[in-house]
Amino acid sequence: MRLRITFLCGLGLLSILGCEQRIPKEELGTIVFEVPAVPGAEKPPPMPELVGAPDSHDTLPGEPP
C-alpha cells in the first residue's frame, strides 16, 4: 500500500513538472524553405592521406596480408 502511494505521488509530481507556459508563436522563429547558396557546397573536401603503418583491420579475415 505504501508503495502505491509513493508511486502515485511520484507520478503526480512528474505530471506537474511537465506543465509550463506555452511559448508564443512569435518566439518560435521562422521556417526557411529556400536553401542558401554556399560556394563550394557541391564539392566535398578532399580526404586526408593516412600516414603510418597499415592497420591490421585493413584486410578481411582469410585474406593474405
N, C-alpha and C. Protein backbone atom coordinates (compact mmCIF):
# COMPACT_ATOMS: atom_id res chain seq x y z
N MET A 1 0.83 -1.18 0.00
CA MET A 1 0.00 0.00 0.00
C MET A 1 0.88 1.26 0.00
N ARG A 2 1.92 1.20 0.80
CA ARG A 2 2.82 2.35 0.89
C ARG A 2 3.52 2.59 -0.44
N LEU A 3 3.83 1.50 -1.13
CA LEU A 3 4.48 1.59 -2.43
C LEU A 3 3.56 2.25 -3.46
N ARG A 4 2.27 1.91 -3.40
CA ARG A 4 1.30 2.50 -4.31
C ARG A 4 1.17 4.01 -4.09
N ILE A 5 1.12 4.42 -2.84
CA ILE A 5 1.00 5.84 -2.53
C ILE A 5 2.25 6.59 -3.00
N THR A 6 3.41 6.02 -2.78
CA THR A 6 4.66 6.63 -3.22
C THR A 6 4.69 6.74 -4.74
N PHE A 7 4.27 5.69 -5.43
CA PHE A 7 4.24 5.70 -6.88
C PHE A 7 3.28 6.77 -7.40
N LEU A 8 2.10 6.86 -6.83
CA LEU A 8 1.12 7.85 -7.28
C LEU A 8 1.60 9.28 -6.99
N CYS A 9 2.25 9.48 -5.86
CA CYS A 9 2.80 10.81 -5.57
C CYS A 9 3.91 11.17 -6.55
N GLY A 10 4.76 10.24 -6.87
CA GLY A 10 5.82 10.48 -7.85
C GLY A 10 5.27 10.74 -9.22
N LEU A 11 4.24 10.01 -9.61
CA LEU A 11 3.60 10.22 -10.90
C LEU A 11 2.94 11.59 -10.95
N GLY A 12 2.31 12.00 -9.87
CA GLY A 12 1.70 13.32 -9.81
C GLY A 12 2.74 14.42 -9.89
N LEU A 13 3.86 14.22 -9.21
CA LEU A 13 4.94 15.21 -9.24
C LEU A 13 5.51 15.35 -10.65
N LEU A 14 5.70 14.24 -11.34
CA LEU A 14 6.22 14.30 -12.71
C LEU A 14 5.24 14.98 -13.65
N SER A 15 3.94 14.77 -13.45
CA SER A 15 2.97 15.40 -14.34
C SER A 15 2.89 16.90 -14.09
N ILE A 16 3.12 17.35 -12.86
CA ILE A 16 3.10 18.78 -12.55
C ILE A 16 4.35 19.46 -13.11
N LEU A 17 5.49 18.80 -13.06
CA LEU A 17 6.72 19.40 -13.55
C LEU A 17 6.70 19.63 -15.06
N GLY A 18 5.91 18.84 -15.79
CA GLY A 18 5.84 18.98 -17.23
C GLY A 18 4.94 20.11 -17.68
N CYS A 19 4.20 20.73 -16.77
CA CYS A 19 3.26 21.78 -17.15
C CYS A 19 3.95 23.14 -17.04
N GLU A 20 4.31 23.70 -18.16
CA GLU A 20 4.91 25.02 -18.21
C GLU A 20 4.10 25.89 -19.15
N GLN A 21 4.45 27.15 -19.22
CA GLN A 21 3.75 28.07 -20.11
C GLN A 21 4.03 27.69 -21.55
N ARG A 22 3.06 27.97 -22.40
CA ARG A 22 3.28 27.77 -23.82
C ARG A 22 4.12 28.91 -24.37
N ILE A 23 4.98 28.59 -25.31
CA ILE A 23 5.83 29.60 -25.94
C ILE A 23 5.00 30.31 -27.00
N PRO A 24 5.00 31.64 -27.02
CA PRO A 24 4.26 32.36 -28.06
C PRO A 24 4.82 32.05 -29.45
N LYS A 25 3.94 32.08 -30.45
CA LYS A 25 4.37 31.76 -31.82
C LYS A 25 5.43 32.73 -32.33
N GLU A 26 5.45 33.95 -31.81
CA GLU A 26 6.44 34.92 -32.25
C GLU A 26 7.85 34.52 -31.84
N GLU A 27 7.98 33.75 -30.76
CA GLU A 27 9.29 33.36 -30.26
C GLU A 27 9.78 32.04 -30.84
N LEU A 28 8.97 31.37 -31.64
CA LEU A 28 9.35 30.08 -32.20
C LEU A 28 10.31 30.21 -33.37
N GLY A 29 10.38 31.38 -33.98
CA GLY A 29 11.29 31.58 -35.10
C GLY A 29 10.57 31.44 -36.43
N THR A 30 11.34 31.37 -37.49
CA THR A 30 10.78 31.26 -38.83
C THR A 30 11.28 30.00 -39.51
N ILE A 31 10.51 29.55 -40.48
CA ILE A 31 10.88 28.38 -41.27
C ILE A 31 11.46 28.86 -42.58
N VAL A 32 12.63 28.38 -42.92
CA VAL A 32 13.29 28.76 -44.17
C VAL A 32 13.07 27.64 -45.17
N PHE A 33 12.40 27.97 -46.29
CA PHE A 33 12.12 26.97 -47.31
C PHE A 33 13.19 26.94 -48.39
N GLU A 34 13.93 28.02 -48.55
CA GLU A 34 14.95 28.08 -49.58
C GLU A 34 16.32 27.89 -48.95
N VAL A 35 17.09 26.99 -49.51
CA VAL A 35 18.43 26.73 -49.01
C VAL A 35 19.37 27.78 -49.59
N PRO A 36 20.15 28.45 -48.74
CA PRO A 36 21.06 29.47 -49.28
C PRO A 36 22.16 28.82 -50.11
N ALA A 37 22.60 29.54 -51.13
CA ALA A 37 23.68 29.05 -51.99
C ALA A 37 25.01 29.30 -51.31
N VAL A 38 25.73 28.23 -51.02
CA VAL A 38 27.04 28.32 -50.37
C VAL A 38 28.08 27.90 -51.40
N PRO A 39 29.04 28.77 -51.71
CA PRO A 39 30.04 28.38 -52.72
C PRO A 39 30.87 27.19 -52.25
N GLY A 40 31.02 26.20 -53.12
CA GLY A 40 31.82 25.02 -52.81
C GLY A 40 31.04 23.92 -52.11
N ALA A 41 29.74 24.11 -51.89
CA ALA A 41 28.96 23.09 -51.18
C ALA A 41 28.77 21.83 -52.01
N GLU A 42 28.79 21.95 -53.34
CA GLU A 42 28.60 20.78 -54.20
C GLU A 42 29.86 19.94 -54.31
N LYS A 43 31.00 20.47 -53.90
CA LYS A 43 32.27 19.75 -54.00
C LYS A 43 32.75 19.40 -52.58
N PRO A 44 32.81 18.11 -52.24
CA PRO A 44 33.24 17.74 -50.90
C PRO A 44 34.73 18.03 -50.69
N PRO A 45 35.13 18.25 -49.45
CA PRO A 45 36.56 18.48 -49.19
C PRO A 45 37.36 17.21 -49.44
N PRO A 46 38.63 17.33 -49.80
CA PRO A 46 39.44 16.14 -50.07
C PRO A 46 39.70 15.34 -48.79
N MET A 47 39.79 14.03 -48.96
CA MET A 47 40.08 13.15 -47.83
C MET A 47 41.57 13.26 -47.50
N PRO A 48 41.92 13.32 -46.22
CA PRO A 48 43.35 13.40 -45.86
C PRO A 48 44.04 12.06 -46.09
N GLU A 49 45.30 12.13 -46.43
CA GLU A 49 46.09 10.92 -46.62
C GLU A 49 46.50 10.37 -45.25
N LEU A 50 46.36 9.06 -45.08
CA LEU A 50 46.75 8.43 -43.82
C LEU A 50 48.24 8.13 -43.85
N VAL A 51 48.90 8.48 -42.77
CA VAL A 51 50.33 8.26 -42.68
C VAL A 51 50.57 7.29 -41.53
N GLY A 52 51.42 6.29 -41.76
CA GLY A 52 51.74 5.36 -40.69
C GLY A 52 51.66 3.93 -41.18
N ALA A 53 51.80 3.00 -40.24
CA ALA A 53 51.78 1.58 -40.56
C ALA A 53 50.35 1.16 -40.90
N PRO A 54 50.21 0.19 -41.81
CA PRO A 54 48.87 -0.29 -42.13
C PRO A 54 48.24 -0.94 -40.90
N ASP A 55 46.97 -0.78 -40.79
CA ASP A 55 46.24 -1.32 -39.65
C ASP A 55 45.93 -2.79 -39.91
N SER A 56 45.80 -3.58 -38.87
CA SER A 56 45.50 -4.99 -39.02
C SER A 56 44.07 -5.20 -39.49
N HIS A 57 43.24 -4.18 -39.47
CA HIS A 57 41.84 -4.30 -39.89
C HIS A 57 41.67 -3.90 -41.34
N ASP A 58 42.77 -3.70 -42.09
CA ASP A 58 42.67 -3.31 -43.48
C ASP A 58 42.26 -4.49 -44.37
N THR A 59 42.53 -5.71 -43.96
CA THR A 59 42.19 -6.88 -44.78
C THR A 59 41.07 -7.65 -44.09
N LEU A 60 40.35 -8.39 -44.91
CA LEU A 60 39.28 -9.23 -44.39
C LEU A 60 39.86 -10.52 -43.83
N PRO A 61 39.15 -11.15 -42.89
CA PRO A 61 39.65 -12.43 -42.37
C PRO A 61 39.78 -13.46 -43.48
N GLY A 62 40.86 -14.17 -43.51
CA GLY A 62 41.10 -15.18 -44.52
C GLY A 62 41.87 -14.67 -45.72
N GLU A 63 42.01 -13.35 -45.86
CA GLU A 63 42.79 -12.79 -46.96
C GLU A 63 44.26 -12.72 -46.57
N PRO A 64 45.14 -12.91 -47.54
CA PRO A 64 46.56 -12.74 -47.19
C PRO A 64 46.86 -11.26 -46.98
N PRO A 65 47.75 -10.94 -46.06
CA PRO A 65 48.06 -9.52 -45.79
C PRO A 65 48.79 -8.85 -46.93
